[in-house]
């Protein structure tokens, strides 16, 4: 981990402009996803309950990403890293929704709309927990 972090820091210093541009591209990408999924949420399988979950996610995800931007503007790189881990975790929302929905639909025989609803409401807290686990693992390894 230390070797990896040192290599990452070296690349970041050498490619500071690329890193900055990549960060802004990510921020714009998150905003595009939030805008488009906010529109599509009302058409989601599972009805109003799923629409509410997607719209809540569309409020939280960009806030996490903007929080990371604020931290780097304040020169708080360690806090930036934590907020970006939280934000990047939500890039996997669709994967986890469909994974959980598949388990409930194909594995347990639940109707697809109900399985999808469980997938949505299961994926969002799961991604928060996984992001925090990664943050804690990384901080405990860096302290060791």
N, C-alpha and C. Protein backbone atom coordinates (compact mmCIF):
# COMPACT_ATOMS: atom_id res chain seq x y z
N UNK A 1 0.82 -1.19 0.00
CA UNK A 1 0.00 0.00 0.00
C UNK A 1 0.86 1.25 0.00
N UNK A 2 1.93 1.24 0.80
CA UNK A 2 2.80 2.40 0.87
C UNK A 2 3.47 2.62 -0.48
N UNK A 3 3.93 1.52 -1.11
CA UNK A 3 4.54 1.63 -2.42
C UNK A 3 3.55 2.17 -3.44
N UNK A 4 2.34 1.68 -3.38
CA UNK A 4 1.29 2.11 -4.30
C UNK A 4 0.98 3.59 -4.10
N UNK A 5 0.84 4.01 -2.86
CA UNK A 5 0.53 5.41 -2.58
C UNK A 5 1.69 6.30 -3.02
N UNK A 6 2.93 5.85 -2.82
CA UNK A 6 4.09 6.63 -3.25
C UNK A 6 4.10 6.77 -4.76
N UNK A 7 3.80 5.68 -5.47
CA UNK A 7 3.75 5.72 -6.92
C UNK A 7 2.63 6.64 -7.40
N UNK A 8 1.49 6.56 -6.74
CA UNK A 8 0.36 7.42 -7.09
C UNK A 8 0.71 8.88 -6.86
N UNK A 9 1.35 9.17 -5.74
CA UNK A 9 1.75 10.55 -5.45
C UNK A 9 2.75 11.05 -6.49
N UNK A 10 3.68 10.20 -6.87
CA UNK A 10 4.69 10.59 -7.87
C UNK A 10 4.02 10.90 -9.21
N UNK A 11 3.09 10.04 -9.62
CA UNK A 11 2.37 10.27 -10.87
C UNK A 11 1.55 11.55 -10.79
N UNK A 12 0.90 11.77 -9.64
CA UNK A 12 0.08 12.96 -9.46
C UNK A 12 0.92 14.22 -9.56
N UNK A 13 2.10 14.19 -8.99
CA UNK A 13 2.98 15.36 -9.06
C UNK A 13 3.47 15.57 -10.48
N UNK A 14 3.88 14.48 -11.14
CA UNK A 14 4.39 14.58 -12.50
C UNK A 14 3.30 14.95 -13.50
N UNK A 15 2.12 14.53 -13.24
CA UNK A 15 1.00 14.73 -14.17
C UNK A 15 -0.11 15.57 -13.53
N UNK A 16 0.29 16.60 -12.83
CA UNK A 16 -0.66 17.43 -12.08
C UNK A 16 -1.76 17.99 -12.98
N UNK A 17 -1.42 18.46 -14.15
CA UNK A 17 -2.42 19.02 -15.06
C UNK A 17 -3.41 17.95 -15.51
N UNK A 18 -2.89 16.77 -15.86
CA UNK A 18 -3.76 15.67 -16.26
C UNK A 18 -4.69 15.28 -15.12
N UNK A 19 -4.15 15.22 -13.92
CA UNK A 19 -4.94 14.85 -12.74
C UNK A 19 -6.07 15.87 -12.51
N UNK A 20 -5.75 17.13 -12.63
CA UNK A 20 -6.74 18.19 -12.43
C UNK A 20 -7.83 18.11 -13.50
N UNK A 21 -7.44 17.97 -14.76
CA UNK A 21 -8.41 17.88 -15.85
C UNK A 21 -9.28 16.64 -15.67
N UNK A 22 -8.66 15.53 -15.31
CA UNK A 22 -9.40 14.29 -15.08
C UNK A 22 -10.43 14.47 -13.97
N UNK A 23 -10.07 15.21 -12.94
CA UNK A 23 -10.99 15.47 -11.84
C UNK A 23 -12.20 16.28 -12.29
N UNK A 24 -11.95 17.29 -13.09
CA UNK A 24 -13.06 18.10 -13.60
C UNK A 24 -13.94 17.31 -14.57
N UNK A 25 -13.32 16.46 -15.39
CA UNK A 25 -14.10 15.59 -16.28
C UNK A 25 -14.99 14.66 -15.46
N UNK A 26 -14.45 14.12 -14.37
CA UNK A 26 -15.26 13.27 -13.49
C UNK A 26 -16.43 14.06 -12.89
N UNK A 27 -16.17 15.26 -12.41
CA UNK A 27 -17.22 16.11 -11.83
C UNK A 27 -18.32 16.38 -12.85
N UNK A 28 -17.95 16.74 -14.06
CA UNK A 28 -18.93 17.00 -15.12
C UNK A 28 -19.70 15.72 -15.46
N UNK A 29 -19.00 14.59 -15.48
CA UNK A 29 -19.66 13.31 -15.76
C UNK A 29 -20.70 12.98 -14.70
N UNK A 30 -20.36 13.20 -13.45
CA UNK A 30 -21.32 12.95 -12.36
C UNK A 30 -22.54 13.85 -12.54
N UNK A 31 -22.33 15.11 -12.86
CA UNK A 31 -23.45 16.02 -13.04
C UNK A 31 -24.33 15.61 -14.21
N UNK A 32 -23.72 15.14 -15.31
CA UNK A 32 -24.50 14.66 -16.45
C UNK A 32 -25.34 13.45 -16.07
N UNK A 33 -24.73 12.50 -15.34
CA UNK A 33 -25.46 11.31 -14.90
C UNK A 33 -26.61 11.70 -13.99
N UNK A 34 -26.37 12.62 -13.08
CA UNK A 34 -27.41 13.04 -12.14
C UNK A 34 -28.58 13.70 -12.87
N UNK A 35 -28.26 14.55 -13.83
CA UNK A 35 -29.33 15.23 -14.57
C UNK A 35 -30.15 14.22 -15.39
N UNK A 36 -29.47 13.33 -16.10
CA UNK A 36 -30.20 12.38 -16.95
C UNK A 36 -30.94 11.34 -16.12
N UNK A 37 -30.33 10.88 -15.05
CA UNK A 37 -31.03 9.87 -14.24
C UNK A 37 -32.16 10.50 -13.44
N UNK A 38 -32.04 11.77 -13.13
CA UNK A 38 -33.15 12.46 -12.47
C UNK A 38 -34.37 12.49 -13.36
N UNK A 39 -34.15 12.68 -14.65
CA UNK A 39 -35.25 12.67 -15.60
C UNK A 39 -35.81 11.25 -15.76
N UNK A 40 -34.92 10.27 -15.83
CA UNK A 40 -35.36 8.89 -16.08
C UNK A 40 -35.89 8.19 -14.84
N UNK A 41 -35.64 8.72 -13.67
CA UNK A 41 -36.05 8.06 -12.42
C UNK A 41 -37.55 7.82 -12.35
N UNK A 42 -38.33 8.72 -12.91
CA UNK A 42 -39.78 8.55 -12.84
C UNK A 42 -40.27 7.39 -13.70
N UNK A 43 -39.42 6.92 -14.61
CA UNK A 43 -39.79 5.79 -15.48
C UNK A 43 -39.17 4.47 -15.01
N UNK A 44 -38.52 4.47 -13.87
CA UNK A 44 -37.79 3.29 -13.40
C UNK A 44 -38.73 2.16 -12.99
N UNK A 45 -38.24 0.95 -13.16
CA UNK A 45 -38.97 -0.22 -12.69
C UNK A 45 -39.09 -0.10 -11.18
N UNK A 46 -40.25 -0.39 -10.65
CA UNK A 46 -40.45 -0.32 -9.21
C UNK A 46 -41.28 0.87 -8.79
N UNK A 47 -41.55 1.78 -9.73
CA UNK A 47 -42.46 2.88 -9.45
C UNK A 47 -41.91 3.99 -8.57
N UNK A 48 -42.80 4.57 -7.81
CA UNK A 48 -42.50 5.76 -7.02
C UNK A 48 -41.42 5.51 -5.95
N UNK A 49 -41.44 4.34 -5.35
CA UNK A 49 -40.45 4.04 -4.31
C UNK A 49 -39.04 4.08 -4.88
N UNK A 50 -38.85 3.54 -6.05
CA UNK A 50 -37.53 3.54 -6.69
C UNK A 50 -37.17 4.95 -7.16
N UNK A 51 -38.17 5.68 -7.65
CA UNK A 51 -37.95 7.06 -8.08
C UNK A 51 -37.43 7.90 -6.90
N UNK A 52 -38.00 7.72 -5.75
CA UNK A 52 -37.57 8.46 -4.56
C UNK A 52 -36.11 8.13 -4.21
N UNK A 53 -35.77 6.84 -4.27
CA UNK A 53 -34.40 6.43 -3.95
C UNK A 53 -33.40 7.02 -4.95
N UNK A 54 -33.73 6.97 -6.24
CA UNK A 54 -32.83 7.53 -7.25
C UNK A 54 -32.68 9.03 -7.08
N UNK A 55 -33.76 9.72 -6.79
CA UNK A 55 -33.66 11.17 -6.60
C UNK A 55 -32.88 11.52 -5.34
N UNK A 56 -32.99 10.73 -4.30
CA UNK A 56 -32.17 10.94 -3.10
C UNK A 56 -30.69 10.74 -3.43
N UNK A 57 -30.41 9.70 -4.21
CA UNK A 57 -29.03 9.46 -4.64
C UNK A 57 -28.53 10.60 -5.50
N UNK A 58 -29.41 11.16 -6.32
CA UNK A 58 -29.03 12.29 -7.18
C UNK A 58 -28.76 13.56 -6.40
N UNK A 59 -29.14 13.59 -5.16
CA UNK A 59 -28.81 14.72 -4.28
C UNK A 59 -27.49 14.44 -3.56
N UNK A 60 -27.31 13.21 -3.11
CA UNK A 60 -26.15 12.86 -2.29
C UNK A 60 -24.87 12.74 -3.11
N UNK A 61 -24.93 12.05 -4.26
CA UNK A 61 -23.72 11.78 -5.03
C UNK A 61 -22.99 13.05 -5.48
N UNK A 62 -23.67 14.03 -6.09
CA UNK A 62 -22.93 15.23 -6.46
C UNK A 62 -22.42 16.02 -5.26
N UNK A 63 -23.13 15.95 -4.14
CA UNK A 63 -22.65 16.64 -2.94
C UNK A 63 -21.34 16.04 -2.46
N UNK A 64 -21.22 14.72 -2.53
CA UNK A 64 -19.96 14.08 -2.14
C UNK A 64 -18.84 14.50 -3.08
N UNK A 65 -19.15 14.58 -4.36
CA UNK A 65 -18.14 14.95 -5.35
C UNK A 65 -17.72 16.40 -5.18
N UNK A 66 -18.67 17.28 -4.93
CA UNK A 66 -18.35 18.69 -4.70
C UNK A 66 -17.58 18.85 -3.38
N UNK A 67 -17.92 18.03 -2.39
CA UNK A 67 -17.17 18.08 -1.12
C UNK A 67 -15.70 17.76 -1.37
N UNK A 68 -15.43 16.82 -2.26
CA UNK A 68 -14.04 16.50 -2.61
C UNK A 68 -13.37 17.69 -3.27
N UNK A 69 -14.08 18.35 -4.16
CA UNK A 69 -13.53 19.54 -4.83
C UNK A 69 -13.20 20.63 -3.81
N UNK A 70 -14.09 20.83 -2.85
CA UNK A 70 -13.86 21.84 -1.81
C UNK A 70 -12.62 21.48 -0.99
N UNK A 71 -12.46 20.19 -0.68
CA UNK A 71 -11.31 19.76 0.13
C UNK A 71 -10.00 20.01 -0.59
N UNK A 72 -9.97 19.76 -1.90
CA UNK A 72 -8.71 19.98 -2.62
C UNK A 72 -8.43 21.47 -2.77
N UNK A 73 -9.47 22.29 -2.88
CA UNK A 73 -9.26 23.74 -2.95
C UNK A 73 -8.69 24.26 -1.63
N UNK A 74 -9.01 23.56 -0.53
CA UNK A 74 -8.48 23.92 0.78
C UNK A 74 -7.17 23.22 1.08
N UNK A 75 -6.62 22.52 0.08
CA UNK A 75 -5.33 21.80 0.20
C UNK A 75 -5.39 20.69 1.25
N UNK A 76 -6.53 20.01 1.34
CA UNK A 76 -6.71 18.89 2.28
C UNK A 76 -6.76 17.59 1.48
N UNK A 77 -5.60 17.14 1.02
CA UNK A 77 -5.52 15.99 0.11
C UNK A 77 -6.05 14.71 0.74
N UNK A 78 -5.80 14.50 2.02
CA UNK A 78 -6.27 13.27 2.66
C UNK A 78 -7.80 13.23 2.70
N UNK A 79 -8.41 14.35 3.00
CA UNK A 79 -9.88 14.41 3.02
C UNK A 79 -10.45 14.32 1.60
N UNK A 80 -9.74 14.89 0.63
CA UNK A 80 -10.14 14.75 -0.78
C UNK A 80 -10.20 13.27 -1.14
N UNK A 81 -9.17 12.54 -0.78
CA UNK A 81 -9.09 11.12 -1.10
C UNK A 81 -10.28 10.36 -0.52
N UNK A 82 -10.65 10.67 0.71
CA UNK A 82 -11.79 10.00 1.34
C UNK A 82 -13.10 10.32 0.63
N UNK A 83 -13.30 11.58 0.28
CA UNK A 83 -14.54 11.96 -0.39
C UNK A 83 -14.59 11.38 -1.80
N UNK A 84 -13.45 11.26 -2.45
CA UNK A 84 -13.44 10.68 -3.79
C UNK A 84 -13.71 9.18 -3.73
N UNK A 85 -13.23 8.50 -2.71
CA UNK A 85 -13.56 7.08 -2.56
C UNK A 85 -15.07 6.93 -2.39
N UNK A 86 -15.66 7.78 -1.57
CA UNK A 86 -17.12 7.73 -1.38
C UNK A 86 -17.84 8.00 -2.70
N UNK A 87 -17.37 8.99 -3.43
CA UNK A 87 -18.01 9.34 -4.69
C UNK A 87 -17.83 8.24 -5.74
N UNK A 88 -16.60 7.74 -5.89
CA UNK A 88 -16.34 6.69 -6.88
C UNK A 88 -17.15 5.43 -6.61
N UNK A 89 -17.43 5.16 -5.36
CA UNK A 89 -18.21 3.97 -5.03
C UNK A 89 -19.55 3.99 -5.75
N UNK A 90 -20.12 5.16 -5.93
CA UNK A 90 -21.43 5.25 -6.55
C UNK A 90 -21.39 5.12 -8.07
N UNK A 91 -20.21 5.01 -8.63
CA UNK A 91 -20.10 4.65 -10.05
C UNK A 91 -20.57 3.21 -10.26
N UNK A 92 -20.58 2.43 -9.19
CA UNK A 92 -20.97 1.03 -9.27
C UNK A 92 -22.43 0.79 -8.85
N UNK A 93 -23.21 1.86 -8.77
CA UNK A 93 -24.60 1.72 -8.35
C UNK A 93 -25.37 0.75 -9.23
N UNK A 94 -25.30 0.93 -10.53
CA UNK A 94 -26.07 0.08 -11.43
C UNK A 94 -25.63 -1.38 -11.33
N UNK A 95 -24.34 -1.61 -11.22
CA UNK A 95 -23.83 -2.97 -11.08
C UNK A 95 -24.42 -3.65 -9.84
N UNK A 96 -24.39 -2.96 -8.70
CA UNK A 96 -24.89 -3.55 -7.47
C UNK A 96 -26.41 -3.68 -7.46
N UNK A 97 -27.10 -2.72 -8.08
CA UNK A 97 -28.56 -2.85 -8.18
C UNK A 97 -28.91 -4.12 -8.92
N UNK A 98 -28.29 -4.33 -10.07
CA UNK A 98 -28.63 -5.51 -10.87
C UNK A 98 -28.13 -6.80 -10.25
N UNK A 99 -27.03 -6.74 -9.55
CA UNK A 99 -26.53 -7.93 -8.85
C UNK A 99 -27.52 -8.36 -7.76
N UNK A 100 -27.94 -7.42 -6.95
CA UNK A 100 -28.89 -7.71 -5.87
C UNK A 100 -30.25 -8.11 -6.44
N UNK A 101 -30.70 -7.38 -7.46
CA UNK A 101 -31.99 -7.70 -8.08
C UNK A 101 -31.97 -9.10 -8.68
N UNK A 102 -30.85 -9.47 -9.28
CA UNK A 102 -30.72 -10.81 -9.85
C UNK A 102 -30.78 -11.89 -8.78
N UNK A 103 -30.14 -11.65 -7.67
CA UNK A 103 -30.17 -12.62 -6.56
C UNK A 103 -31.61 -12.80 -6.08
N UNK A 104 -32.33 -11.70 -5.91
CA UNK A 104 -33.69 -11.80 -5.41
C UNK A 104 -34.67 -12.33 -6.46
N UNK A 105 -34.45 -11.95 -7.72
CA UNK A 105 -35.37 -12.39 -8.77
C UNK A 105 -35.10 -13.82 -9.20
N UNK A 106 -33.86 -14.10 -9.61
CA UNK A 106 -33.53 -15.43 -10.11
C UNK A 106 -33.24 -16.43 -9.01
N UNK A 107 -32.60 -15.96 -7.97
CA UNK A 107 -32.22 -16.86 -6.89
C UNK A 107 -33.34 -17.17 -5.92
N UNK A 108 -34.12 -16.17 -5.56
CA UNK A 108 -35.17 -16.36 -4.55
C UNK A 108 -36.58 -16.36 -5.14
N UNK A 109 -36.69 -16.12 -6.45
CA UNK A 109 -37.99 -16.20 -7.11
C UNK A 109 -38.90 -15.01 -6.90
N UNK A 110 -38.37 -13.89 -6.43
CA UNK A 110 -39.18 -12.69 -6.24
C UNK A 110 -39.50 -12.09 -7.61
N UNK A 111 -40.66 -11.48 -7.77
CA UNK A 111 -41.01 -10.82 -9.03
C UNK A 111 -39.96 -9.76 -9.35
N UNK A 112 -39.67 -9.56 -10.66
CA UNK A 112 -38.60 -8.64 -11.03
C UNK A 112 -38.77 -7.22 -10.48
N UNK A 113 -39.95 -6.60 -10.60
CA UNK A 113 -40.07 -5.24 -10.04
C UNK A 113 -39.78 -5.18 -8.53
N UNK A 114 -40.22 -6.18 -7.80
CA UNK A 114 -39.93 -6.21 -6.36
C UNK A 114 -38.44 -6.46 -6.12
N UNK A 115 -37.84 -7.35 -6.90
CA UNK A 115 -36.40 -7.62 -6.78
C UNK A 115 -35.57 -6.39 -7.12
N UNK A 116 -36.02 -5.64 -8.13
CA UNK A 116 -35.31 -4.42 -8.52
C UNK A 116 -35.41 -3.38 -7.41
N UNK A 117 -36.57 -3.26 -6.81
CA UNK A 117 -36.75 -2.32 -5.70
C UNK A 117 -35.83 -2.68 -4.54
N UNK A 118 -35.77 -3.97 -4.22
CA UNK A 118 -34.85 -4.42 -3.17
C UNK A 118 -33.41 -4.12 -3.57
N UNK A 119 -33.10 -4.32 -4.86
CA UNK A 119 -31.76 -4.03 -5.36
C UNK A 119 -31.38 -2.57 -5.18
N UNK A 120 -32.30 -1.68 -5.50
CA UNK A 120 -32.03 -0.24 -5.36
C UNK A 120 -31.83 0.13 -3.90
N UNK A 121 -32.74 -0.32 -3.05
CA UNK A 121 -32.64 0.03 -1.64
C UNK A 121 -31.54 -0.75 -0.92
N UNK A 122 -31.06 -1.81 -1.52
CA UNK A 122 -29.94 -2.54 -0.95
C UNK A 122 -28.60 -2.00 -1.41
N UNK A 123 -28.53 -1.57 -2.68
CA UNK A 123 -27.27 -1.12 -3.24
C UNK A 123 -26.79 0.19 -2.63
N UNK A 124 -27.69 1.11 -2.41
CA UNK A 124 -27.28 2.44 -1.92
C UNK A 124 -26.60 2.37 -0.56
N UNK A 125 -27.20 1.74 0.45
CA UNK A 125 -26.47 1.66 1.73
C UNK A 125 -25.24 0.75 1.64
N UNK A 126 -25.31 -0.29 0.81
CA UNK A 126 -24.16 -1.18 0.65
C UNK A 126 -22.96 -0.42 0.10
N UNK A 127 -23.19 0.47 -0.85
CA UNK A 127 -22.09 1.26 -1.41
C UNK A 127 -21.51 2.22 -0.38
N UNK A 128 -22.36 2.81 0.45
CA UNK A 128 -21.85 3.65 1.54
C UNK A 128 -20.95 2.84 2.47
N UNK A 129 -21.40 1.66 2.84
CA UNK A 129 -20.65 0.80 3.76
C UNK A 129 -19.33 0.35 3.12
N UNK A 130 -19.37 -0.05 1.86
CA UNK A 130 -18.15 -0.48 1.17
C UNK A 130 -17.14 0.66 1.06
N UNK A 131 -17.61 1.86 0.75
CA UNK A 131 -16.71 3.01 0.66
C UNK A 131 -16.04 3.29 2.01
N UNK A 132 -16.82 3.26 3.07
CA UNK A 132 -16.25 3.49 4.40
C UNK A 132 -15.27 2.39 4.79
N UNK A 133 -15.56 1.15 4.38
CA UNK A 133 -14.64 0.04 4.67
C UNK A 133 -13.32 0.24 3.95
N UNK A 134 -13.38 0.68 2.70
CA UNK A 134 -12.15 0.94 1.94
C UNK A 134 -11.36 2.08 2.59
N UNK A 135 -12.05 3.12 3.01
CA UNK A 135 -11.38 4.25 3.67
C UNK A 135 -10.70 3.79 4.95
N UNK A 136 -11.38 3.02 5.75
CA UNK A 136 -10.81 2.54 7.02
C UNK A 136 -9.64 1.59 6.80
N UNK A 137 -9.77 0.71 5.81
CA UNK A 137 -8.66 -0.21 5.49
C UNK A 137 -7.44 0.57 5.02
N UNK A 138 -7.65 1.55 4.17
CA UNK A 138 -6.53 2.33 3.66
C UNK A 138 -5.88 3.14 4.77
N UNK A 139 -6.68 3.72 5.67
CA UNK A 139 -6.08 4.53 6.74
C UNK A 139 -5.37 3.65 7.78
N UNK A 140 -5.88 2.44 8.01
CA UNK A 140 -5.21 1.57 8.96
C UNK A 140 -3.90 1.03 8.39
N UNK A 141 -3.85 0.80 7.09
CA UNK A 141 -2.61 0.34 6.46
C UNK A 141 -1.57 1.45 6.39
N UNK A 142 -2.02 2.70 6.20
CA UNK A 142 -1.06 3.80 6.13
C UNK A 142 -0.48 4.11 7.51
N UNK A 143 -1.24 3.82 8.57
CA UNK A 143 -0.74 4.06 9.93
C UNK A 143 0.25 2.97 10.35
N UNK A 144 0.09 1.77 9.76
CA UNK A 144 0.96 0.64 10.15
C UNK A 144 2.34 0.74 9.55
